[in-house]
Protein backbone atom coordinates (compact mmCIF):
# COMPACT_ATOMS: atom_id res chain seq x y z
CA MET A 1 11.31 11.93 5.67
CA ASN A 2 8.68 11.36 3.01
CA LEU A 3 7.00 8.29 1.63
CA ASP A 4 7.33 7.87 -2.13
CA SER A 5 4.25 6.34 -3.73
CA LYS A 6 3.67 4.67 -7.08
CA PHE A 7 -0.08 4.41 -6.46
CA SER A 8 -2.38 7.19 -5.27
CA ALA A 9 -5.11 6.62 -2.70
CA LEU A 10 -7.65 6.81 -5.54
CA GLN A 11 -5.81 4.17 -7.55
CA LEU A 12 -5.72 1.83 -4.55
CA ALA A 13 -9.46 2.37 -4.07
CA LEU A 14 -10.07 1.44 -7.73
CA ILE A 15 -8.09 -1.77 -7.29
CA ASN A 16 -10.07 -2.55 -4.14
CA ASP A 17 -13.36 -1.96 -5.97
CA GLN A 18 -12.36 -4.33 -8.76
CA GLY A 19 -11.50 -7.03 -6.24
CA ILE A 20 -14.84 -6.66 -4.52
CA LEU A 21 -16.81 -6.69 -7.79
CA TYR A 22 -15.12 -9.81 -9.12
CA ALA A 23 -14.32 -11.65 -5.88
CA CYS A 24 -10.58 -11.52 -6.47
CA ALA A 25 -8.96 -10.75 -3.15
CA CYS A 26 -5.22 -11.02 -3.85
CA PRO A 27 -4.55 -7.53 -5.26
CA VAL A 28 -6.95 -6.12 -2.66
CA HIS A 29 -4.98 -7.62 0.22
CA VAL A 30 -1.77 -6.09 -1.09
CA SER A 31 -3.53 -2.75 -1.61
CA LEU A 32 -4.90 -2.80 1.93
CA GLN A 33 -1.45 -3.46 3.35
CA ILE A 34 -0.11 -0.49 1.40
CA ASN A 35 -2.81 1.68 2.95
CA ASN A 36 -1.97 0.36 6.42
CA LEU A 37 1.73 1.03 5.89
CA ARG A 38 0.91 4.61 4.87
CA LYS A 39 -1.07 5.09 8.07
CA LEU A 40 1.76 3.67 10.18
CA PHE A 41 4.30 5.90 8.43
CA ASP A 42 2.14 9.00 8.96
CA TYR A 43 1.69 8.09 12.63
CA GLN A 44 5.46 7.79 13.10
CA LYS A 45 6.00 11.16 11.40
CA GLU A 46 3.49 12.73 13.81
CA CYS A 47 5.33 11.17 16.74
CA MET A 48 8.66 12.55 15.46
CA ASN A 49 7.15 16.03 15.15
CA VAL A 50 6.23 16.12 18.83
CA ASP A 51 8.63 18.17 20.89
CA ILE A 52 10.75 15.44 22.50
CA SER A 53 13.16 16.25 25.28
CA PRO A 54 16.80 15.10 25.08
CA GLU A 55 16.02 12.48 27.73
CA ASP A 56 13.57 10.93 25.27
CA SER A 57 16.05 10.62 22.40
CA VAL A 58 15.57 6.85 22.47
CA GLN A 59 11.89 7.42 21.67
CA MET A 60 12.88 9.53 18.67
CA GLN A 61 15.19 6.76 17.49
CA VAL A 62 12.37 4.24 17.89
CA HIS A 63 9.96 6.33 15.80
CA ARG A 64 12.60 7.01 13.17
CA ARG A 65 13.46 3.30 12.90
CA ILE A 66 9.82 2.28 12.55
CA ALA A 67 9.35 4.94 9.86
CA GLU A 68 12.46 3.78 7.96
CA VAL A 69 11.40 0.14 7.94
CA THR A 70 7.83 1.08 7.08
CA LYS A 71 9.13 3.06 4.11
CA GLN A 72 11.07 0.02 2.91
CA ALA A 73 8.07 -2.28 3.36
CA HIS A 74 5.86 0.22 1.51
CA GLN A 75 8.25 0.27 -1.46
CA LEU A 76 8.30 -3.54 -1.56
CA MET A 77 4.52 -3.85 -1.37
CA GLU A 78 3.99 -1.25 -4.09
CA GLN A 79 6.46 -3.09 -6.29
CA CYS A 80 4.62 -6.34 -5.53
CA LEU A 81 1.28 -4.79 -6.44
CA GLU A 82 2.68 -3.43 -9.68
CA GLU A 83 4.06 -6.87 -10.57
CA VAL A 84 0.80 -8.65 -9.67
CA LEU A 85 -1.21 -6.24 -11.83
CA ASP A 86 1.23 -6.83 -14.70
CA MET A 87 1.15 -10.61 -14.25
CA GLU A 88 -2.65 -10.68 -14.24
CA GLY A 89 -2.85 -8.28 -17.19
CA TRP A 90 -4.72 -5.41 -15.57
CA ASP A 91 -5.42 -2.27 -17.62
CA LYS A 92 -3.02 0.14 -15.88
CA THR A 93 -4.76 3.30 -17.13
CA LYS A 94 -8.24 2.36 -15.87
CA LEU A 95 -7.05 -0.09 -13.21
CA GLU A 96 -9.51 -2.68 -14.45
CA MET A 97 -9.14 -6.39 -13.96
CA PRO A 98 -8.79 -8.18 -17.31
CA SER A 99 -12.02 -9.61 -18.70
CA GLY A 100 -10.55 -13.12 -18.91
CA LEU A 101 -9.86 -13.11 -15.19
CA ARG A 102 -13.31 -11.67 -14.41
CA LYS A 103 -14.94 -14.39 -16.52
CA ARG A 104 -12.93 -17.14 -14.80
CA ILE A 105 -13.98 -15.86 -11.41
CA GLU A 106 -17.64 -15.50 -12.41
CA GLU A 107 -17.70 -19.13 -13.56
CA ASN A 108 -16.47 -20.47 -10.21
């Protein structure tokens, strides 16, 4: 089982940096949750790779279920981030916050 990703770790870091620079936390919070979901998914994959005895098949089912739901949540959060960036008008190639939004934040 693999996790499909629309955003690379570097792209998420760029989004996070923009949020910190311009005090806009919404895309950053979504980005951080994506990172956390990736860590949870990787952890579950590690657990499933451990040699589990037949008596522990319930444990394997537990790890598989957590991984499946994490994968679904990851897809939803990436879609959400993509939509938020579109709605706010981010430059998708540079992953820069639009100047109008930066100016509005700087004025507050």
